[in-house]
Amino acid sequence: MPDDVLSNLGLAQATVATLGTVMIIGLGFLHRPSRSALLWSLAFVLAMTSTWVSVTGAILDDETVRRAGLGLMLGAPALIWSGFRARRGVASLPWIGGLQAILTAIVFVSVVDVSAYGLAFRLAFLAAAVFAGLTLAELRRAADRLERMALPLTIVSAAFVALGAGILISGLSAPATIGDLALPRVLNGLAMLVFLVCATVSLLYFTSVSPSGRRAASSWPHFVVTASDRLRRAAQAREESWAVLTVRLDDPQQLRSAAGENAWMRLVEDFERVVVETFPAEADLGRETRGRVVVVLARPDSVLREQVRTVLRRITELDGSASVGVQLSASVGWVAAEMGGFDLPTLIADADRAAAEATLQGGDRWQRVRA
């Protein structure tokens, strides 16, 4: 197998991994920060770093460096799996991916015998394929698993598992050639390249577009489209129980300055979790900026009034005072949908003004727009 084939594959991997890292962090994590987005960003950072290490080894004709980069790369699928576990709200176990990357790199560098390295390579690839299979299982549990943008990662994860098993079986069935890694190396290079491309497409959807997630409000564009359509149909049906609420933390700039960026992000996550858990599952929730959630729902006034009181009480009970140094509170603006002609932008503007008035009155209260 010509060396330039492997070199070109390595450069392609490094380029795709770098672009994927920039997009996952810039368009995903920074747009809608979450623990899952952070872990997926780390997976791409690991993939980018490992591919450039491997390319450097190839350029310097240093097999040890090249092997170390290859070993580090095989820990990325485990971090992607960890991200989906975090998205589901269970223990994410990110240390497994880091440990796998380090141990695989150490084994690849330490093994000298060609046949032993061939077996180690196949086993390590199979271990990475196991986490691709676990990722596939997590995808099947996701509420948005049938979305078109989720399909690339679903398909490539299944192919990764099949390829890992095939590479191992081919080596074990022909032990005399188990040290011949020309074809497996090319297959590995192509598989990781395709995996990175498909993972970038799907993870960008999961981080920046998909509304699913236990503790996060919908991305703003998705929310606007969904809520506007819901209000339009409510107007046609002449339903009068619809309302738009703006729930926002009081003095967000002061909270952010006092808490620092990391603590502020945790406070926002806790705040959004309270809002999501308080209002019914059929309510549409959207977040345009941190510390502010817009809610569109249909409920009788008496029921909605109780839910508003509950969300305000639960926000004041959040365990953030120790890190912030001030009492957490929120204000709610409330406007009936019929007062704004069921027009979402108008209703949001009215609800925002009402929430601002509640904040000026001391916060920890709600203000309703009256006719």
Protein backbone atom coordinates (compact mmCIF):
# COMPACT_ATOMS: atom_id res chain seq x y z
CA MET A 1 0.00 0.00 0.00
CA PRO A 2 1.64 3.32 -1.03
CA ASP A 3 2.60 5.54 1.89
CA ASP A 4 1.09 8.59 0.21
CA VAL A 5 -2.36 6.97 0.46
CA LEU A 6 -2.12 6.80 4.25
CA SER A 7 -0.61 10.30 4.38
CA ASN A 8 -3.45 11.76 2.33
CA LEU A 9 -6.02 10.00 4.53
CA GLY A 10 -4.31 11.37 7.62
CA LEU A 11 -4.38 14.93 6.26
CA ALA A 12 -8.04 14.54 5.30
CA GLN A 13 -8.84 13.29 8.82
CA ALA A 14 -6.97 16.18 10.42
CA THR A 15 -8.71 18.74 8.21
CA VAL A 16 -12.18 17.33 8.81
CA ALA A 17 -11.55 16.97 12.55
CA THR A 18 -10.37 20.57 12.77
CA LEU A 19 -13.37 21.93 10.88
CA GLY A 20 -15.70 19.72 12.92
CA THR A 21 -14.18 20.99 16.16
CA VAL A 22 -14.65 24.61 15.14
CA MET A 23 -18.29 23.99 14.16
CA ILE A 24 -19.24 21.87 17.19
CA ILE A 25 -17.79 24.43 19.60
CA GLY A 26 -18.73 27.60 17.72
CA LEU A 27 -22.16 26.65 16.39
CA GLY A 28 -23.09 24.08 19.03
CA PHE A 29 -21.59 24.50 22.50
CA LEU A 30 -21.29 28.29 22.49
CA HIS A 31 -24.77 28.67 20.99
CA ARG A 32 -26.48 26.37 23.49
CA PRO A 33 -24.12 25.31 26.28
CA SER A 34 -24.79 21.98 27.96
CA ARG A 35 -22.85 19.10 29.44
CA SER A 36 -23.55 16.94 26.41
CA ALA A 37 -22.33 19.65 24.03
CA LEU A 38 -19.20 20.05 26.15
CA LEU A 39 -18.42 16.33 25.97
CA TRP A 40 -19.00 16.25 22.21
CA SER A 41 -16.71 19.26 21.86
CA LEU A 42 -14.04 17.42 23.86
CA ALA A 43 -14.46 14.38 21.60
CA PHE A 44 -13.72 16.53 18.56
CA VAL A 45 -10.82 18.27 20.29
CA LEU A 46 -9.36 14.81 21.03
CA ALA A 47 -9.93 13.69 17.44
CA MET A 48 -8.35 16.87 16.07
CA THR A 49 -5.32 16.64 18.36
CA SER A 50 -4.76 12.94 17.70
CA THR A 51 -5.01 13.27 13.93
CA TRP A 52 -2.46 16.09 13.83
CA VAL A 53 -0.16 14.06 16.09
CA SER A 54 -0.50 11.13 13.69
CA VAL A 55 0.15 13.37 10.67
CA THR A 56 3.22 14.81 12.39
CA GLY A 57 4.52 11.29 12.98
CA ALA A 58 4.03 10.45 9.31
CA ILE A 59 5.83 13.62 8.21
CA LEU A 60 8.76 12.95 10.57
CA ASP A 61 8.72 9.26 9.63
CA ASP A 62 8.41 8.50 13.35
CA GLU A 63 6.27 5.38 13.83
CA THR A 64 6.05 5.91 17.60
CA VAL A 65 4.44 9.34 17.25
CA ARG A 66 2.12 8.10 14.52
CA ARG A 67 0.98 5.18 16.67
CA ALA A 68 0.39 7.45 19.66
CA GLY A 69 -1.87 9.70 17.59
CA LEU A 70 -3.80 6.71 16.27
CA GLY A 71 -4.31 5.37 19.78
CA LEU A 72 -5.58 8.69 21.12
CA MET A 73 -8.11 8.98 18.30
CA LEU A 74 -9.81 5.72 19.24
CA GLY A 75 -11.03 7.29 22.50
CA ALA A 76 -13.29 9.79 20.68
CA PRO A 77 -16.29 7.42 20.15
CA ALA A 78 -16.48 6.82 23.91
CA LEU A 79 -16.72 10.58 24.54
CA ILE A 80 -19.50 10.87 21.99
CA TRP A 81 -21.33 8.09 23.84
CA SER A 82 -20.76 9.96 27.12
CA GLY A 83 -22.35 13.05 25.60
CA PHE A 84 -25.53 11.16 24.78
CA ARG A 85 -25.68 9.79 28.32
CA ALA A 86 -25.35 13.33 29.67
CA ARG A 87 -28.12 14.42 27.32
CA ARG A 88 -30.34 11.68 28.74
CA GLY A 89 -29.65 12.88 32.28
CA VAL A 90 -27.69 9.87 33.57
CA ALA A 91 -24.05 9.49 34.65
CA SER A 92 -21.98 10.39 31.59
CA LEU A 93 -18.73 8.60 32.61
CA PRO A 94 -16.41 10.75 30.43
CA TRP A 95 -13.33 9.32 32.15
CA ILE A 96 -13.84 6.12 30.17
CA GLY A 97 -13.08 7.88 26.90
CA GLY A 98 -10.01 9.61 28.31
CA LEU A 99 -8.72 6.39 29.86
CA GLN A 100 -9.33 4.44 26.67
CA ALA A 101 -7.43 7.01 24.59
CA ILE A 102 -4.42 7.04 26.92
CA LEU A 103 -4.23 3.25 27.39
CA THR A 104 -4.62 2.59 23.66
CA ALA A 105 -1.84 5.05 22.85
CA ILE A 106 0.44 3.47 25.47
CA VAL A 107 -0.22 -0.04 24.14
CA PHE A 108 0.38 0.99 20.53
CA VAL A 109 3.66 2.65 21.44
CA SER A 110 4.84 -0.16 23.73
CA VAL A 111 4.18 -3.15 21.45
CA VAL A 112 7.19 -3.83 19.24
CA ASP A 113 6.41 -7.18 17.64
CA VAL A 114 4.56 -6.71 14.36
CA SER A 115 2.12 -9.58 14.89
CA ALA A 116 1.37 -8.47 18.46
CA TYR A 117 0.78 -4.92 17.25
CA GLY A 118 -1.56 -6.22 14.56
CA LEU A 119 -3.67 -7.99 17.17
CA ALA A 120 -3.58 -4.96 19.51
CA PHE A 121 -4.70 -2.69 16.67
CA ARG A 122 -7.65 -4.92 15.83
CA LEU A 123 -8.72 -5.25 19.47
CA ALA A 124 -8.44 -1.49 20.04
CA PHE A 125 -10.50 -0.76 16.94
CA LEU A 126 -13.10 -3.25 18.15
CA ALA A 127 -13.18 -1.51 21.56
CA ALA A 128 -13.86 1.81 19.82
CA ALA A 129 -16.56 0.07 17.77
CA VAL A 130 -18.18 -1.14 21.01
CA PHE A 131 -18.73 2.49 22.05
CA ALA A 132 -20.07 3.26 18.58
CA GLY A 133 -22.57 0.47 19.24
CA LEU A 134 -23.42 1.95 22.64
CA THR A 135 -23.91 5.32 20.93
CA LEU A 136 -26.32 3.62 18.55
CA ALA A 137 -28.24 2.26 21.55
CA GLU A 138 -28.41 5.75 23.07
CA LEU A 139 -29.65 7.17 19.78
CA ARG A 140 -32.47 4.63 19.72
CA ARG A 141 -33.60 5.92 23.14
CA ALA A 142 -33.61 9.58 22.06
CA ALA A 143 -36.95 11.27 21.43
CA ASP A 144 -35.61 12.81 18.20
CA ARG A 145 -34.01 9.60 16.88
CA LEU A 146 -36.20 9.63 13.74
CA GLU A 147 -35.19 13.13 12.67
CA ARG A 148 -33.35 13.20 9.35
CA MET A 149 -30.27 14.91 10.81
CA ALA A 150 -29.85 12.07 13.33
CA LEU A 151 -29.57 9.45 10.58
CA PRO A 152 -25.92 10.06 9.55
CA LEU A 153 -24.57 9.25 13.01
CA THR A 154 -26.98 6.32 13.37
CA ILE A 155 -25.88 4.76 10.09
CA VAL A 156 -22.16 5.34 10.56
CA SER A 157 -22.26 3.97 14.13
CA ALA A 158 -23.81 0.74 12.87
CA ALA A 159 -21.21 0.56 10.08
CA PHE A 160 -18.43 1.20 12.62
CA VAL A 161 -19.56 -1.82 14.65
CA ALA A 162 -19.67 -4.04 11.58
CA LEU A 163 -16.24 -2.88 10.43
CA GLY A 164 -14.69 -3.41 13.86
CA ALA A 165 -16.00 -6.97 14.01
CA GLY A 166 -14.92 -7.62 10.43
CA ILE A 167 -11.36 -6.40 11.00
CA LEU A 168 -10.99 -8.60 14.08
CA ILE A 169 -12.50 -11.68 12.45
CA SER A 170 -10.33 -11.29 9.34
CA GLY A 171 -7.20 -11.17 11.49
CA LEU A 172 -8.13 -14.14 13.65
CA SER A 173 -9.13 -16.23 10.66
CA ALA A 174 -5.71 -15.68 9.07
CA PRO A 175 -3.23 -15.62 11.98
CA ALA A 176 -0.26 -15.90 9.64
CA THR A 177 -1.03 -12.43 8.28
CA ILE A 178 -2.22 -10.81 11.48
CA GLY A 179 0.69 -8.40 11.33
CA ASP A 180 -0.26 -7.23 7.83
CA LEU A 181 -2.09 -3.97 8.57
CA ALA A 182 -2.02 -2.33 5.15
CA LEU A 183 -5.70 -2.89 4.39
CA PRO A 184 -6.96 -2.41 8.00
CA ARG A 185 -5.07 0.89 8.21
CA VAL A 186 -6.76 2.17 5.06
CA LEU A 187 -10.14 0.94 6.27
CA ASN A 188 -9.53 2.59 9.64
CA GLY A 189 -8.58 5.85 7.96
CA LEU A 190 -11.66 5.83 5.73
CA ALA A 191 -13.94 4.78 8.62
CA MET A 192 -12.73 7.55 10.92
CA LEU A 193 -13.02 10.10 8.12
CA VAL A 194 -16.62 9.14 7.36
CA PHE A 195 -17.39 8.89 11.08
CA LEU A 196 -16.12 12.43 11.72
CA VAL A 197 -18.17 13.88 8.86
CA CYS A 198 -21.38 12.13 9.91
CA ALA A 199 -20.80 12.91 13.60
CA THR A 200 -20.34 16.60 12.78
CA VAL A 201 -23.64 16.74 10.88
CA SER A 202 -25.70 14.94 13.52
CA LEU A 203 -24.10 16.49 16.61
CA LEU A 204 -24.61 19.98 15.20
CA TYR A 205 -28.30 19.12 15.01
CA PHE A 206 -28.38 17.74 18.55
CA THR A 207 -26.50 20.72 20.01
CA SER A 208 -28.02 23.66 18.16
CA VAL A 209 -31.36 22.67 16.61
CA SER A 210 -33.09 19.78 18.35
CA PRO A 211 -35.55 20.83 21.06
CA SER A 212 -35.22 17.54 22.91
CA GLY A 213 -33.49 17.36 26.28
CA ARG A 214 -34.67 17.12 29.83
CA ARG A 215 -33.21 20.36 31.13
CA ALA A 216 -33.12 22.70 28.17
CA ALA A 217 -35.64 24.90 26.43
CA SER A 218 -35.95 24.71 22.67
CA SER A 219 -33.57 26.52 20.38
CA TRP A 220 -35.09 29.88 19.50
CA PRO A 221 -35.69 29.36 15.74
CA HIS A 222 -37.42 26.03 16.36
CA PHE A 223 -39.50 27.54 19.15
CA VAL A 224 -40.63 30.52 17.04
CA VAL A 225 -41.78 28.28 14.19
CA THR A 226 -43.57 25.80 16.45
CA ALA A 227 -45.19 28.34 18.76
CA SER A 228 -46.29 30.62 15.91
CA ASP A 229 -47.99 27.71 14.16
CA ARG A 230 -49.66 26.64 17.39
CA LEU A 231 -51.02 30.14 18.04
CA ARG A 232 -52.21 30.46 14.45
CA ARG A 233 -54.22 27.27 14.76
CA ALA A 234 -55.54 28.38 18.16
CA ALA A 235 -56.76 31.64 16.61
CA GLN A 236 -58.54 29.75 13.83
CA ALA A 237 -60.23 27.53 16.39
CA ARG A 238 -61.06 30.60 18.56
CA GLU A 239 -59.49 29.06 21.64
CA GLU A 240 -59.31 31.63 24.43
CA SER A 241 -57.18 29.88 27.06
CA TRP A 242 -53.80 30.46 25.41
CA ALA A 243 -51.20 32.67 27.05
CA VAL A 244 -47.58 33.73 26.59
CA LEU A 245 -45.27 34.08 29.57
CA THR A 246 -41.80 35.50 29.91
CA VAL A 247 -39.91 34.01 32.87
CA ARG A 248 -36.60 35.70 33.57
CA LEU A 249 -34.04 35.88 36.35
CA ASP A 250 -33.89 39.20 38.17
CA ASP A 251 -30.64 41.18 37.76
CA PRO A 252 -28.93 38.68 35.42
CA GLN A 253 -25.86 40.87 34.85
CA GLN A 254 -25.28 41.20 38.58
CA LEU A 255 -25.69 37.44 39.02
CA ARG A 256 -23.24 36.72 36.20
CA SER A 257 -20.63 39.09 37.57
CA ALA A 258 -20.96 37.75 41.11
CA ALA A 259 -21.01 34.07 40.17
CA GLY A 260 -18.48 33.87 37.37
CA GLU A 261 -19.10 32.20 34.01
CA ASN A 262 -19.11 28.57 35.19
CA ALA A 263 -21.41 29.13 38.17
CA TRP A 264 -23.64 31.36 36.01
CA MET A 265 -24.08 28.56 33.47
CA ARG A 266 -25.04 26.15 36.26
CA LEU A 267 -27.57 28.66 37.60
CA VAL A 268 -29.09 29.06 34.14
CA GLU A 269 -29.35 25.29 33.74
CA ASP A 270 -31.06 24.98 37.14
CA PHE A 271 -33.37 27.88 36.29
CA GLU A 272 -34.38 26.31 32.97
CA ARG A 273 -34.87 22.95 34.65
CA VAL A 274 -37.30 24.48 37.14
CA VAL A 275 -39.27 26.16 34.34
CA VAL A 276 -39.38 22.93 32.29
CA GLU A 277 -40.50 20.85 35.28
CA THR A 278 -43.13 23.34 36.48
CA PHE A 279 -45.08 23.87 33.28
CA PRO A 280 -46.93 21.02 31.50
CA ALA A 281 -45.19 18.86 28.93
CA GLU A 282 -47.31 20.23 26.06
CA ALA A 283 -46.12 23.80 26.68
CA ASP A 284 -43.69 25.27 24.15
CA LEU A 285 -40.57 26.72 25.76
CA GLY A 286 -37.90 28.77 24.03
CA ARG A 287 -34.71 30.49 25.14
CA GLU A 288 -33.31 33.35 23.09
CA THR A 289 -30.91 34.54 25.80
CA ARG A 290 -29.62 32.94 28.97
CA GLY A 291 -31.71 33.55 32.04
CA ARG A 292 -34.94 34.13 30.10
CA VAL A 293 -37.49 31.55 28.94
CA VAL A 294 -40.64 32.23 26.92
CA VAL A 295 -43.55 29.87 27.55
CA VAL A 296 -46.56 29.37 25.27
CA LEU A 297 -49.36 27.20 26.65
CA ALA A 298 -53.12 26.79 27.05
CA ARG A 299 -54.41 26.63 30.61
CA PRO A 300 -57.29 28.19 32.58
CA ASP A 301 -56.29 31.34 34.46
CA SER A 302 -56.61 29.71 37.86
CA VAL A 303 -54.33 26.81 36.91
CA LEU A 304 -51.80 29.06 35.21
CA ARG A 305 -51.74 31.42 38.20
CA GLU A 306 -50.81 28.51 40.47
CA GLN A 307 -48.08 27.36 38.10
CA VAL A 308 -46.60 30.86 37.97
CA ARG A 309 -46.54 31.03 41.76
CA THR A 310 -44.89 27.62 41.88
CA VAL A 311 -42.13 28.52 39.43
CA LEU A 312 -41.35 31.74 41.31
CA ARG A 313 -41.17 29.88 44.62
CA ARG A 314 -38.97 27.12 43.26
CA ILE A 315 -36.55 29.60 41.71
CA THR A 316 -36.06 31.35 45.05
CA GLU A 317 -35.33 27.93 46.58
CA LEU A 318 -32.52 27.13 44.13
CA ASP A 319 -29.24 26.42 45.88
CA GLY A 320 -27.28 29.26 44.32
CA SER A 321 -27.01 31.81 47.08
CA ALA A 322 -23.76 30.38 48.42
CA SER A 323 -21.86 30.92 45.16
CA VAL A 324 -23.61 34.12 44.10
CA GLY A 325 -23.97 35.91 47.42
CA VAL A 326 -27.47 37.20 46.65
CA GLN A 327 -30.96 35.72 46.83
CA LEU A 328 -32.11 34.30 43.51
CA SER A 329 -35.46 35.45 42.21
CA ALA A 330 -37.33 35.80 38.95
CA SER A 331 -40.08 37.87 37.40
CA VAL A 332 -42.86 36.70 35.10
CA GLY A 333 -44.71 38.65 32.44
CA TRP A 334 -48.10 37.24 31.47
CA VAL A 335 -50.26 38.14 28.48
CA ALA A 336 -53.34 36.40 27.09
CA ALA A 337 -52.85 35.36 23.47
CA GLU A 338 -56.06 37.02 22.28
CA MET A 339 -54.82 40.41 23.53
CA GLY A 340 -52.00 40.34 20.98
CA GLY A 341 -54.06 38.91 18.17
CA PHE A 342 -52.30 35.55 18.61
CA ASP A 343 -49.20 37.15 17.06
CA LEU A 344 -46.12 35.66 18.74
CA PRO A 345 -43.66 38.60 18.35
CA THR A 346 -46.27 41.04 19.69
CA LEU A 347 -47.14 38.78 22.60
CA ILE A 348 -43.47 38.24 23.51
CA ALA A 349 -42.84 41.98 23.47
CA ASP A 350 -45.85 42.59 25.74
CA ALA A 351 -44.80 39.81 28.10
CA ASP A 352 -41.25 41.16 28.24
CA ARG A 353 -42.51 44.62 29.20
CA ALA A 354 -44.69 43.11 31.91
CA ALA A 355 -41.75 41.10 33.27
CA ALA A 356 -39.62 44.26 33.28
CA GLU A 357 -42.30 46.07 35.29
CA ALA A 358 -42.37 43.20 37.78
CA THR A 359 -38.59 43.45 38.13
CA LEU A 360 -38.79 47.23 38.73
CA GLN A 361 -41.29 46.55 41.51
CA GLY A 362 -38.72 44.43 43.33
CA GLY A 363 -38.82 41.13 41.47
CA ASP A 364 -40.00 37.73 42.67
CA ARG A 365 -43.47 38.46 41.31
CA TRP A 366 -45.59 38.30 38.19
CA GLN A 367 -47.23 41.06 36.19
CA ARG A 368 -50.18 40.45 33.91
CA VAL A 369 -51.02 42.60 30.90
CA ARG A 370 -54.54 43.92 31.26
CA ALA A 371 -56.84 45.19 28.53
